[in-house]
PDB file of N, CA and C in Angstrom:
ATOM      1  N   MET A   1      -7.242 -15.302  29.955  1.00  0.00           N
ATOM      2  CA  MET A   1      -6.596 -14.464  28.708  1.00  0.00           C
ATOM      3  C   MET A   1      -5.602 -15.357  28.241  1.00  0.00           C
ATOM      4  N   ALA A   2      -5.979 -15.619  26.940  1.00  0.00           N
ATOM      5  CA  ALA A   2      -4.436 -16.454  26.043  1.00  0.00           C
ATOM      6  C   ALA A   2      -3.977 -16.033  26.073  1.00  0.00           C
ATOM      7  N   ASN A   3      -2.336 -16.108  25.626  1.00  0.00           N
ATOM      8  CA  ASN A   3      -0.899 -16.022  25.581  1.00  0.00           C
ATOM      9  C   ASN A   3      -0.780 -15.004  24.700  1.00  0.00           C
ATOM     10  N   ASP A   4      -1.190 -13.594  25.053  1.00  0.00           N
ATOM     11  CA  ASP A   4      -1.104 -12.827  23.339  1.00  0.00           C
ATOM     12  C   ASP A   4       0.132 -11.612  24.594  1.00  0.00           C
ATOM     13  N   TRP A   5       0.865 -12.041  24.767  1.00  0.00           N
ATOM     14  CA  TRP A   5       2.237 -10.510  25.066  1.00  0.00           C
ATOM     15  C   TRP A   5       2.920 -11.149  23.548  1.00  0.00           C
ATOM     16  N   LYS A   6       2.634 -11.265  22.842  1.00  0.00           N
ATOM     17  CA  LYS A   6       3.262 -10.453  21.553  1.00  0.00           C
ATOM     18  C   LYS A   6       2.370  -9.446  21.121  1.00  0.00           C
ATOM     19  N   ASP A   7       0.919  -9.008  21.397  1.00  0.00           N
ATOM     20  CA  ASP A   7      -0.069  -7.739  20.929  1.00  0.00           C
ATOM     21  C   ASP A   7       0.305  -7.109  22.144  1.00  0.00           C
ATOM     22  N   ARG A   8       1.324  -7.385  23.132  1.00  0.00           N
ATOM     23  CA  ARG A   8       1.250  -5.830  24.168  1.00  0.00           C
ATOM     24  C   ARG A   8       2.144  -5.653  23.941  1.00  0.00           C
ATOM     25  N   LEU A   9       3.262  -5.981  23.207  1.00  0.00           N
ATOM     26  CA  LEU A   9       4.561  -5.961  22.738  1.00  0.00           C
ATOM     27  C   LEU A   9       4.864  -4.289  22.980  1.00  0.00           C
ATOM     28  N   GLY A  10       5.628  -3.609  23.457  1.00  0.00           N
ATOM     29  CA  GLY A  10       5.462  -1.598  23.948  1.00  0.00           C
ATOM     30  C   GLY A  10       4.524  -0.771  24.348  1.00  0.00           C
ATOM     31  N   MET A  11       3.747  -1.895  25.355  1.00  0.00           N
ATOM     32  CA  MET A  11       2.624  -1.671  26.420  1.00  0.00           C
ATOM     33  C   MET A  11       3.040  -0.912  27.848  1.00  0.00           C
ATOM     34  N   VAL A  12       2.838  -0.848  28.192  1.00  0.00           N
ATOM     35  CA  VAL A  12       3.583  -0.375  29.936  1.00  0.00           C
ATOM     36  C   VAL A  12       3.015  -0.575  30.514  1.00  0.00           C
ATOM     37  N   TYR A  13       2.678  -1.809  31.376  1.00  0.00           N
ATOM     38  CA  TYR A  13       1.899  -2.539  32.366  1.00  0.00           C
ATOM     39  C   TYR A  13       0.836  -2.292  33.484  1.00  0.00           C
ATOM     40  N   SER A  14       0.051  -2.534  34.109  1.00  0.00           N
ATOM     41  CA  SER A  14      -0.626  -1.555  34.765  1.00  0.00           C
ATOM     42  C   SER A  14      -1.343  -2.548  35.952  1.00  0.00           C
ATOM     43  N   THR A  15      -0.957  -2.164  36.922  1.00  0.00           N
ATOM     44  CA  THR A  15      -2.019  -2.948  38.245  1.00  0.00           C
ATOM     45  C   THR A  15      -3.526  -2.947  38.497  1.00  0.00           C
ATOM     46  N   ASN A  16      -3.845  -2.173  37.575  1.00  0.00           N
ATOM     47  CA  ASN A  16      -5.269  -2.675  37.603  1.00  0.00           C
ATOM     48  C   ASN A  16      -5.643  -3.710  37.157  1.00  0.00           C
ATOM     49  N   PRO A  17      -6.579  -4.600  37.965  1.00  0.00           N
ATOM     50  CA  PRO A  17      -7.120  -6.007  37.477  1.00  0.00           C
ATOM     51  C   PRO A  17      -7.868  -5.647  36.457  1.00  0.00           C
ATOM     52  N   ASP A  18      -8.564  -4.916  36.179  1.00  0.00           N
ATOM     53  CA  ASP A  18      -9.818  -4.272  34.899  1.00  0.00           C
ATOM     54  C   ASP A  18      -9.195  -3.899  34.002  1.00  0.00           C
ATOM     55  N   PHE A  19      -7.535  -3.387  34.283  1.00  0.00           N
ATOM     56  CA  PHE A  19      -7.158  -2.661  32.934  1.00  0.00           C
ATOM     57  C   PHE A  19      -7.682  -4.114  31.549  1.00  0.00           C
ATOM     58  N   GLU A  20      -8.373  -3.154  30.381  1.00  0.00           N
ATOM     59  CA  GLU A  20      -8.306  -4.103  29.292  1.00  0.00           C
ATOM     60  C   GLU A  20      -7.540  -3.454  27.997  1.00  0.00           C
ATOM     61  N   TYR A  21      -6.163  -4.374  27.391  1.00  0.00           N
ATOM     62  CA  TYR A  21      -5.519  -3.235  26.442  1.00  0.00           C
ATOM     63  C   TYR A  21      -6.549  -2.963  25.501  1.00  0.00           C
ATOM     64  N   ASP A  22      -6.236  -1.674  24.304  1.00  0.00           N
ATOM     65  CA  ASP A  22      -6.612  -1.131  23.292  1.00  0.00           C
ATOM     66  C   ASP A  22      -5.783  -1.853  22.356  1.00  0.00           C
ATOM     67  N   LYS A  23      -6.634  -2.946  21.372  1.00  0.00           N
ATOM     68  CA  LYS A  23      -5.648  -3.794  20.580  1.00  0.00           C
ATOM     69  C   LYS A  23      -6.227  -3.145  19.465  1.00  0.00           C
ATOM     70  N   GLU A  24      -4.985  -2.452  18.812  1.00  0.00           N
ATOM     71  CA  GLU A  24      -5.574  -1.671  17.319  1.00  0.00           C
ATOM     72  C   GLU A  24      -5.559  -2.931  16.213  1.00  0.00           C
ATOM     73  N   GLU A  25      -6.771  -3.291  15.271  1.00  0.00           N
ATOM     74  CA  GLU A  25      -7.620  -3.888  14.404  1.00  0.00           C
ATOM     75  C   GLU A  25      -6.849  -3.023  12.919  1.00  0.00           C
ATOM     76  N   LYS A  26      -6.165  -3.655  12.429  1.00  0.00           N
ATOM     77  CA  LYS A  26      -5.963  -3.228  11.087  1.00  0.00           C
ATOM     78  C   LYS A  26      -7.023  -3.263  10.004  1.00  0.00           C
ATOM     79  N   GLN A  27      -6.888  -2.143  10.114  1.00  0.00           N
ATOM     80  CA  GLN A  27      -8.284  -1.566   9.228  1.00  0.00           C
ATOM     81  C   GLN A  27      -8.405  -1.908   7.960  1.00  0.00           C
ATOM     82  N   GLU A  28      -9.224  -2.886   6.897  1.00  0.00           N
ATOM     83  CA  GLU A  28      -9.412  -2.729   5.651  1.00  0.00           C
ATOM     84  C   GLU A  28      -9.607  -1.873   5.078  1.00  0.00           C
ATOM     85  N   ALA A  29      -8.653  -1.181   3.827  1.00  0.00           N
ATOM     86  CA  ALA A  29      -9.081   0.086   3.065  1.00  0.00           C
ATOM     87  C   ALA A  29      -9.985  -0.317   2.462  1.00  0.00           C
ATOM     88  N   GLU A  30     -11.156   0.556   2.418  1.00  0.00           N
ATOM     89  CA  GLU A  30     -12.188   0.407   1.578  1.00  0.00           C
ATOM     90  C   GLU A  30     -12.009   1.232   0.360  1.00  0.00           C
ATOM     91  N   THR A  31     -12.096  -0.198  -0.657  1.00  0.00           N
ATOM     92  CA  THR A  31     -11.946  -0.122  -1.832  1.00  0.00           C
ATOM     93  C   THR A  31     -12.556   1.463  -2.742  1.00  0.00           C
ATOM     94  N   LEU A  32     -12.369   2.925  -3.301  1.00  0.00           N
ATOM     95  CA  LEU A  32     -13.021   3.509  -4.013  1.00  0.00           C
ATOM     96  C   LEU A  32     -13.252   2.328  -5.203  1.00  0.00           C
ATOM     97  N   PRO A  33     -14.775   3.333  -5.599  1.00  0.00           N
ATOM     98  CA  PRO A  33     -15.572   2.832  -6.791  1.00  0.00           C
ATOM     99  C   PRO A  33     -14.333   2.473  -8.663  1.00  0.00           C
ATOM    100  N   SER A  34     -14.288   2.422  -9.310  1.00  0.00           N
ATOM    101  CA  SER A  34     -13.237   1.783 -10.486  1.00  0.00           C
ATOM    102  C   SER A  34     -13.497   3.744 -11.210  1.00  0.00           C
ATOM    103  N   LYS A  35     -14.603   4.368 -10.961  1.00  0.00           N
ATOM    104  CA  LYS A  35     -14.808   5.789 -11.514  1.00  0.00           C
ATOM    105  C   LYS A  35     -13.810   6.730 -11.099  1.00  0.00           C
ATOM    106  N   GLN A  36     -13.879   6.589 -10.174  1.00  0.00           N
ATOM    107  CA  GLN A  36     -13.340   7.412  -9.035  1.00  0.00           C
ATOM    108  C   GLN A  36     -11.227   7.115  -8.737  1.00  0.00           C
ATOM    109  N   GLN A  37     -10.963   6.312  -9.403  1.00  0.00           N
ATOM    110  CA  GLN A  37      -9.738   5.519  -9.260  1.00  0.00           C
ATOM    111  C   GLN A  37      -8.924   6.243 -10.043  1.00  0.00           C
ATOM    112  N   LYS A  38      -8.178   6.042  -9.596  1.00  0.00           N
ATOM    113  CA  LYS A  38      -7.076   7.100 -10.922  1.00  0.00           C
ATOM    114  C   LYS A  38      -6.218   6.487 -11.040  1.00  0.00           C
ATOM    115  N   LEU A  39      -5.855   5.156 -11.894  1.00  0.00           N
ATOM    116  CA  LEU A  39      -4.299   4.403 -12.331  1.00  0.00           C
ATOM    117  C   LEU A  39      -3.305   4.552 -12.891  1.00  0.00           C
ATOM    118  N   ARG A  40      -1.883   4.769 -12.525  1.00  0.00           N
ATOM    119  CA  ARG A  40      -0.527   5.472 -13.305  1.00  0.00           C
ATOM    120  C   ARG A  40      -0.147   3.779 -14.292  1.00  0.00           C
ATOM    121  N   VAL A  41      -0.338   3.896 -15.548  1.00  0.00           N
ATOM    122  CA  VAL A  41       0.364   2.871 -15.953  1.00  0.00           C
ATOM    123  C   VAL A  41       1.480   2.886 -16.806  1.00  0.00           C
ATOM    124  N   SER A  42       2.615   2.381 -16.077  1.00  0.00           N
ATOM    125  CA  SER A  42       4.205   3.106 -16.367  1.00  0.00           C
ATOM    126  C   SER A  42       5.300   1.637 -16.464  1.00  0.00           C
ATOM    127  N   LEU A  43       6.205   1.846 -17.713  1.00  0.00           N
ATOM    128  CA  LEU A  43       6.797   0.502 -17.903  1.00  0.00           C
ATOM    129  C   LEU A  43       8.064   0.959 -17.550  1.00  0.00           C
ATOM    130  N   ASP A  44       8.449  -0.277 -16.482  1.00  0.00           N
ATOM    131  CA  ASP A  44       9.064  -0.242 -15.671  1.00  0.00           C
ATOM    132  C   ASP A  44      10.806  -1.455 -16.214  1.00  0.00           C
ATOM    133  N   LYS A  45      11.534  -1.334 -15.720  1.00  0.00           N
ATOM    134  CA  LYS A  45      12.619  -2.089 -15.786  1.00  0.00           C
ATOM    135  C   LYS A  45      14.119  -2.012 -15.103  1.00  0.00           C
ATOM    136  N   LYS A  46      13.458  -1.535 -13.278  1.00  0.00           N
ATOM    137  CA  LYS A  46      14.836  -1.370 -12.741  1.00  0.00           C
ATOM    138  C   LYS A  46      14.476  -2.941 -12.277  1.00  0.00           C
ATOM    139  N   LYS A  47      15.392  -3.294 -11.442  1.00  0.00           N
ATOM    140  CA  LYS A  47      15.639  -4.890 -11.077  1.00  0.00           C
ATOM    141  C   LYS A  47      15.130  -5.818 -11.495  1.00  0.00           C
ATOM    142  N   ARG A  48      15.300  -5.881 -12.753  1.00  0.00           N
ATOM    143  CA  ARG A  48      14.367  -6.910 -12.981  1.00  0.00           C
ATOM    144  C   ARG A  48      14.986  -7.491 -14.308  1.00  0.00           C
ATOM    145  N   LYS A  49      16.936  -7.760 -14.032  1.00  0.00           N
ATOM    146  CA  LYS A  49      17.410  -7.822 -15.187  1.00  0.00           C
ATOM    147  C   LYS A  49      17.686  -7.806 -16.591  1.00  0.00           C
ATOM    148  N   GLY A  50      17.089  -5.989 -17.076  1.00  0.00           N
ATOM    149  CA  GLY A  50      16.849  -5.796 -18.146  1.00  0.00           C
ATOM    150  C   GLY A  50      15.057  -6.117 -18.790  1.00  0.00           C
ATOM    151  N   LYS A  51      14.923  -7.093 -18.266  1.00  0.00           N
ATOM    152  CA  LYS A  51      13.094  -7.612 -18.786  1.00  0.00           C
ATOM    153  C   LYS A  51      12.247  -6.463 -18.068  1.00  0.00           C
ATOM    154  N   ALA A  52      11.135  -5.525 -19.186  1.00  0.00           N
ATOM    155  CA  ALA A  52      10.036  -4.750 -18.953  1.00  0.00           C
ATOM    156  C   ALA A  52       8.865  -5.945 -18.029  1.00  0.00           C
ATOM    157  N   VAL A  53       8.213  -4.580 -17.340  1.00  0.00           N
ATOM    158  CA  VAL A  53       7.295  -5.429 -17.102  1.00  0.00           C
ATOM    159  C   VAL A  53       5.921  -3.189 -16.903  1.00  0.00           C
ATOM    160  N   SER A  54       5.141  -3.785 -17.037  1.00  0.00           N
ATOM    161  CA  SER A  54       4.091  -3.117 -16.733  1.00  0.00           C
ATOM    162  C   SER A  54       3.587  -2.267 -15.326  1.00  0.00           C
ATOM    163  N   LEU A  55       4.159  -1.231 -14.986  1.00  0.00           N
ATOM    164  CA  LEU A  55       3.619  -1.311 -13.843  1.00  0.00           C
ATOM    165  C   LEU A  55       2.371  -0.368 -13.890  1.00  0.00           C
ATOM    166  N   ILE A  56       1.368  -1.107 -12.959  1.00  0.00           N
ATOM    167  CA  ILE A  56      -0.806  -0.026 -13.065  1.00  0.00           C
ATOM    168  C   ILE A  56      -0.167   0.577 -11.108  1.00  0.00           C
ATOM    169  N   SER A  57       0.365   1.408 -11.060  1.00  0.00           N
ATOM    170  CA  SER A  57      -0.151   1.879  -9.356  1.00  0.00           C
ATOM    171  C   SER A  57      -1.364   3.019  -9.337  1.00  0.00           C
ATOM    172  N   GLY A  58      -1.352   2.940  -8.206  1.00  0.00           N
ATOM    173  CA  GLY A  58      -2.382   4.745  -7.585  1.00  0.00           C
ATOM    174  C   GLY A  58      -3.899   4.029  -7.433  1.00  0.00           C
ATOM    175  N   PHE A  59      -3.812   2.396  -6.915  1.00  0.00           N
ATOM    176  CA  PHE A  59      -4.576   1.810  -7.289  1.00  0.00           C
ATOM    177  C   PHE A  59      -5.326   2.413  -5.102  1.00  0.00           C
ATOM    178  N   VAL A  60      -6.493   2.649  -4.693  1.00  0.00           N
ATOM    179  CA  VAL A  60      -7.319   2.663  -3.697  1.00  0.00           C
ATOM    180  C   VAL A  60      -7.730   1.666  -3.228  1.00  0.00           C
ATOM    181  N   GLY A  61      -7.742   0.576  -2.098  1.00  0.00           N
ATOM    182  CA  GLY A  61      -8.808  -0.424  -2.156  1.00  0.00           C
ATOM    183  C   GLY A  61      -7.970  -1.316  -1.266  1.00  0.00           C
ATOM    184  N   ASN A  62      -8.743  -2.402  -1.352  1.00  0.00           N
ATOM    185  CA  ASN A  62      -8.167  -4.224  -0.626  1.00  0.00           C
ATOM    186  C   ASN A  62      -7.596  -4.223  -1.377  1.00  0.00           C
ATOM    187  N   ASP A  63      -6.879  -5.427  -0.807  1.00  0.00           N
ATOM    188  CA  ASP A  63      -5.696  -6.601  -1.702  1.00  0.00           C
ATOM    189  C   ASP A  63      -6.362  -7.602  -1.971  1.00  0.00           C
ATOM    190  N   ASN A  64      -7.672  -7.943  -2.023  1.00  0.00           N
ATOM    191  CA  ASN A  64      -8.747  -8.950  -2.733  1.00  0.00           C
ATOM    192  C   ASN A  64      -9.135  -8.009  -4.127  1.00  0.00           C
ATOM    193  N   ASP A  65     -10.006  -6.726  -4.050  1.00  0.00           N
ATOM    194  CA  ASP A  65     -10.208  -5.703  -4.905  1.00  0.00           C
ATOM    195  C   ASP A  65      -8.426  -6.003  -6.193  1.00  0.00           C
ATOM    196  N   LEU A  66      -7.428  -5.607  -5.072  1.00  0.00           N
ATOM    197  CA  LEU A  66      -6.252  -5.205  -6.215  1.00  0.00           C
ATOM    198  C   LEU A  66      -6.261  -7.091  -6.882  1.00  0.00           C
ATOM    199  N   LYS A  67      -6.428  -7.868  -6.417  1.00  0.00           N
ATOM    200  CA  LYS A  67      -5.871  -8.717  -7.045  1.00  0.00           C
ATOM    201  C   LYS A  67      -6.925  -9.510  -7.856  1.00  0.00           C
ATOM    202  N   GLU A  68      -7.656  -9.047  -8.090  1.00  0.00           N
ATOM    203  CA  GLU A  68      -9.411  -9.408  -9.108  1.00  0.00           C
ATOM    204  C   GLU A  68      -8.606  -8.490 -10.365  1.00  0.00           C
ATOM    205  N   LEU A  69      -8.484  -7.317  -9.846  1.00  0.00           N
ATOM    206  CA  LEU A  69      -7.599  -6.535 -11.195  1.00  0.00           C
ATOM    207  C   LEU A  69      -6.761  -7.186 -11.780  1.00  0.00           C
ATOM    208  N   SER A  70      -5.733  -7.762 -10.845  1.00  0.00           N
ATOM    209  CA  SER A  70      -4.901  -7.900 -11.305  1.00  0.00           C
ATOM    210  C   SER A  70      -4.658  -9.772 -12.240  1.00  0.00           C
ATOM    211  N   LYS A  71      -6.221  -9.964 -11.578  1.00  0.00           N
ATOM    212  CA  LYS A  71      -6.071 -11.643 -12.401  1.00  0.00           C
ATOM    213  C   LYS A  71      -6.727 -11.260 -13.738  1.00  0.00           C
ATOM    214  N   LEU A  72      -7.957 -10.186 -13.964  1.00  0.00           N
ATOM    215  CA  LEU A  72      -8.212  -9.495 -14.841  1.00  0.00           C
ATOM    216  C   LEU A  72      -7.572  -9.391 -16.240  1.00  0.00           C
ATOM    217  N   LEU A  73      -6.720  -8.743 -15.344  1.00  0.00           N
ATOM    218  CA  LEU A  73      -5.776  -8.079 -16.603  1.00  0.00           C
ATOM    219  C   LEU A  73      -3.971  -9.201 -17.167  1.00  0.00           C
ATOM    220  N   LYS A  74      -3.874  -9.774 -15.987  1.00  0.00           N
ATOM    221  CA  LYS A  74      -3.436 -10.752 -16.977  1.00  0.00           C
ATOM    222  C   LYS A  74      -3.643 -12.014 -18.089  1.00  0.00           C
ATOM    223  N   THR A  75      -4.667 -12.290 -16.983  1.00  0.00           N
ATOM    224  CA  THR A  75      -6.418 -12.726 -18.060  1.00  0.00           C
ATOM    225  C   THR A  75      -5.691 -12.055 -19.482  1.00  0.00           C
ATOM    226  N   LYS A  76      -6.987 -11.118 -19.637  1.00  0.00           N
ATOM    227  CA  LYS A  76      -6.358 -10.508 -21.311  1.00  0.00           C
ATOM    228  C   LYS A  76      -5.022 -10.384 -21.987  1.00  0.00           C
ATOM    229  N   CYS A  77      -4.003  -9.990 -21.565  1.00  0.00           N
ATOM    230  CA  CYS A  77      -2.712 -10.137 -21.845  1.00  0.00           C
ATOM    231  C   CYS A  77      -2.409 -10.932 -21.943  1.00  0.00           C
ATOM    232  N   GLY A  78      -2.835 -12.012 -21.547  1.00  0.00           N
ATOM    233  CA  GLY A  78      -2.356 -13.024 -21.599  1.00  0.00           C
ATOM    234  C   GLY A  78      -0.754 -13.532 -20.971  1.00  0.00           C
ATOM    235  N   VAL A  79      -0.596 -12.958 -20.220  1.00  0.00           N
ATOM    236  CA  VAL A  79       0.821 -12.642 -19.278  1.00  0.00           C
ATOM    237  C   VAL A  79       0.773 -13.190 -18.023  1.00  0.00           C
ATOM    238  N   GLY A  80       1.976 -13.239 -17.711  1.00  0.00           N
ATOM    239  CA  GLY A  80       1.935 -13.259 -16.145  1.00  0.00           C
ATOM    240  C   GLY A  80       2.108 -12.309 -15.802  1.00  0.00           C
ATOM    241  N   GLY A  81       1.934 -12.227 -13.981  1.00  0.00           N
ATOM    242  CA  GLY A  81       2.777 -11.411 -13.235  1.00  0.00           C
ATOM    243  C   GLY A  81       2.193 -11.243 -11.650  1.00  0.00           C
ATOM    244  N   SER A  82       1.907 -10.580 -10.831  1.00  0.00           N
ATOM    245  CA  SER A  82       2.032  -9.695  -9.649  1.00  0.00           C
ATOM    246  C   SER A  82       1.252  -9.357  -8.913  1.00  0.00           C
ATOM    247  N   VAL A  83       1.448  -9.255  -7.707  1.00  0.00           N
ATOM    248  CA  VAL A  83       0.332  -8.312  -6.954  1.00  0.00           C
ATOM    249  C   VAL A  83       2.245  -8.348  -5.932  1.00  0.00           C
ATOM    250  N   LYS A  84       2.414  -6.195  -5.778  1.00  0.00           N
ATOM    251  CA  LYS A  84       3.269  -5.965  -4.831  1.00  0.00           C
ATOM    252  C   LYS A  84       3.756  -5.302  -4.037  1.00  0.00           C
ATOM    253  N   ASP A  85       3.879  -4.820  -3.010  1.00  0.00           N
ATOM    254  CA  ASP A  85       3.323  -3.227  -2.309  1.00  0.00           C
ATOM    255  C   ASP A  85       2.360  -2.630  -3.020  1.00  0.00           C
ATOM    256  N   GLY A  86       1.066  -2.903  -3.010  1.00  0.00           N
ATOM    257  CA  GLY A  86      -0.118  -2.238  -3.669  1.00  0.00           C
ATOM    258  C   GLY A  86      -0.086  -1.716  -5.211  1.00  0.00           C
ATOM    259  N   GLU A  87       0.900  -2.610  -5.827  1.00  0.00           N
ATOM    260  CA  GLU A  87       1.071  -2.297  -7.275  1.00  0.00           C
ATOM    261  C   GLU A  87       0.569  -3.600  -8.539  1.00  0.00           C
ATOM    262  N   ILE A  88       0.111  -3.534  -9.243  1.00  0.00           N
ATOM    263  CA  ILE A  88       0.504  -4.624 -10.334  1.00  0.00           C
ATOM    264  C   ILE A  88       1.391  -5.209 -11.193  1.00  0.00           C
ATOM    265  N   LEU A  89       1.933  -5.696 -10.836  1.00  0.00           N
ATOM    266  CA  LEU A  89       3.687  -6.116 -12.857  1.00  0.00           C
ATOM    267  C   LEU A  89       2.354  -6.921 -13.286  1.00  0.00           C
ATOM    268  N   ILE A  90       2.819  -6.449 -14.732  1.00  0.00           N
ATOM    269  CA  ILE A  90       2.516  -6.946 -15.527  1.00  0.00           C
ATOM    270  C   ILE A  90       3.517  -7.100 -16.261  1.00  0.00           C
ATOM    271  N   GLN A  91       4.130  -8.532 -16.783  1.00  0.00           N
ATOM    272  CA  GLN A  91       5.236  -9.135 -18.009  1.00  0.00           C
ATOM    273  C   GLN A  91       4.850  -8.254 -18.542  1.00  0.00           C
ATOM    274  N   GLY A  92       6.298  -7.964 -19.433  1.00  0.00           N
ATOM    275  CA  GLY A  92       5.971  -7.155 -21.114  1.00  0.00           C
ATOM    276  C   GLY A  92       5.111  -5.993 -21.293  1.00  0.00           C
ATOM    277  N   ASP A  93       5.711  -5.256 -21.671  1.00  0.00           N
ATOM    278  CA  ASP A  93       4.968  -3.783 -22.426  1.00  0.00           C
ATOM    279  C   ASP A  93       3.803  -3.875 -23.498  1.00  0.00           C
ATOM    280  N   PHE A  94       2.534  -4.180 -21.946  1.00  0.00           N
ATOM    281  CA  PHE A  94       1.348  -4.358 -21.908  1.00  0.00           C
ATOM    282  C   PHE A  94       0.888  -2.790 -22.086  1.00  0.00           C
ATOM    283  N   ARG A  95       0.695  -1.314 -22.188  1.00  0.00           N
ATOM    284  CA  ARG A  95       0.775  -0.634 -21.509  1.00  0.00           C
ATOM    285  C   ARG A  95      -0.772  -0.219 -22.236  1.00  0.00           C
ATOM    286  N   ASP A  96      -1.092   0.949 -23.631  1.00  0.00           N
ATOM    287  CA  ASP A  96      -2.060   0.977 -24.499  1.00  0.00           C
ATOM    288  C   ASP A  96      -2.781  -0.560 -23.850  1.00  0.00           C
ATOM    289  N   LYS A  97      -2.496  -1.563 -24.496  1.00  0.00           N
ATOM    290  CA  LYS A  97      -4.249  -2.727 -23.980  1.00  0.00           C
ATOM    291  C   LYS A  97      -4.357  -2.447 -22.524  1.00  0.00           C
ATOM    292  N   ILE A  98      -2.993  -1.967 -21.483  1.00  0.00           N
ATOM    293  CA  ILE A  98      -3.794  -1.941 -19.819  1.00  0.00           C
ATOM    294  C   ILE A  98      -4.877  -0.936 -19.762  1.00  0.00           C
ATOM    295  N   ILE A  99      -4.271   0.825 -20.559  1.00  0.00           N
ATOM    296  CA  ILE A  99      -4.801   1.213 -20.467  1.00  0.00           C
ATOM    297  C   ILE A  99      -6.404   1.195 -21.381  1.00  0.00           C
ATOM    298  N   GLU A 100      -6.529   0.741 -22.344  1.00  0.00           N
ATOM    299  CA  GLU A 100      -7.662   0.801 -22.765  1.00  0.00           C
ATOM    300  C   GLU A 100      -8.613  -0.413 -21.868  1.00  0.00           C
ATOM    301  N   LEU A 101      -7.929  -1.645 -21.916  1.00  0.00           N
ATOM    302  CA  LEU A 101      -9.230  -2.458 -20.584  1.00  0.00           C
ATOM    303  C   LEU A 101      -9.487  -1.613 -19.105  1.00  0.00           C
ATOM    304  N   LEU A 102      -8.432  -1.319 -18.863  1.00  0.00           N
ATOM    305  CA  LEU A 102      -9.226  -0.177 -17.976  1.00  0.00           C
ATOM    306  C   LEU A 102     -10.397   0.506 -18.018  1.00  0.00           C
ATOM    307  N   ALA A 103     -10.083   1.239 -19.168  1.00  0.00           N
ATOM    308  CA  ALA A 103     -11.097   2.283 -19.404  1.00  0.00           C
ATOM    309  C   ALA A 103     -12.744   1.633 -19.294  1.00  0.00           C
ATOM    310  N   LYS A 104     -12.154   0.320 -19.851  1.00  0.00           N
ATOM    311  CA  LYS A 104     -13.738  -0.586 -20.318  1.00  0.00           C
ATOM    312  C   LYS A 104     -13.957  -1.299 -19.265  1.00  0.00           C
ATOM    313  N   GLU A 105     -13.787  -1.087 -18.248  1.00  0.00           N
ATOM    314  CA  GLU A 105     -13.626  -1.297 -16.570  1.00  0.00           C
ATOM    315  C   GLU A 105     -14.357  -0.782 -15.768  1.00  0.00           C
ATOM    316  N   GLY A 106     -14.262   0.934 -16.624  1.00  0.00           N
ATOM    317  CA  GLY A 106     -14.533   2.089 -16.337  1.00  0.00           C
ATOM    318  C   GLY A 106     -13.382   2.917 -14.754  1.00  0.00           C
ATOM    319  N   TYR A 107     -12.386   2.306 -14.922  1.00  0.00           N
ATOM    320  CA  TYR A 107     -11.061   2.926 -14.606  1.00  0.00           C
ATOM    321  C   TYR A 107     -10.774   4.791 -15.625  1.00  0.00           C
ATOM    322  N   LYS A 108      -9.874   5.095 -14.199  1.00  0.00           N
ATOM    323  CA  LYS A 108      -9.196   6.412 -14.892  1.00  0.00           C
ATOM    324  C   LYS A 108      -7.739   5.972 -15.162  1.00  0.00           C
ATOM    325  N   ALA A 109      -7.132   6.063 -16.147  1.00  0.00           N
ATOM    326  CA  ALA A 109      -5.703   5.449 -16.297  1.00  0.00           C
ATOM    327  C   ALA A 109      -5.041   6.214 -17.946  1.00  0.00           C
ATOM    328  N   LYS A 110      -3.962   6.616 -17.115  1.00  0.00           N
ATOM    329  CA  LYS A 110      -2.985   7.173 -17.949  1.00  0.00           C
ATOM    330  C   LYS A 110      -1.405   7.285 -18.313  1.00  0.00           C
ATOM    331  N   LYS A 111      -1.027   6.932 -19.103  1.00  0.00           N
ATOM    332  CA  LYS A 111       0.460   6.911 -19.174  1.00  0.00           C
ATOM    333  C   LYS A 111       1.137   7.491 -18.271  1.00  0.00           C
ATOM    334  N   SER A 112       2.157   7.308 -18.273  1.00  0.00           N
ATOM    335  CA  SER A 112       3.229   8.014 -16.817  1.00  0.00           C
ATOM    336  C   SER A 112       4.497   7.564 -16.938  1.00  0.00           C
ATOM    337  N   GLY A 113       5.342   8.342 -17.387  1.00  0.00           N
ATOM    338  CA  GLY A 113       6.887   8.033 -17.599  1.00  0.00           C
ATOM    339  C   GLY A 113       7.180   6.798 -18.650  1.00  0.00           C
ATOM    340  N   GLY A 114       8.420   6.217 -18.458  1.00  0.00           N
ATOM    341  CA  GLY A 114       8.634   5.245 -19.654  1.00  0.00           C
ATOM    342  C   GLY A 114       8.341   5.806 -21.377  1.00  0.00           C
TER     343      GLY A 114
END
């Protein structure tokens, strides 16, 4: 057995020589089809020194698909941005354009807040 003590932190010791630890493996979230996604697009200025960003939230799926969608939106808007905590941040106020782009891709998106 490899030195896997970090995987066993918080587990109770067993004297059974045949005991196998149940290691929980992270399950990758399954991405919903674009037609089932309900995304919210809002304007956010908090903690950004007054600079506005378009915030896309509500995506259900794995990180790779979220990053692909982010890349598409950044390219089409011609600006930078990032993916953080399951949300897409696009620099600037592009809410209307983002909603239009998401609709073309088959997503349900609506403006919220801001």
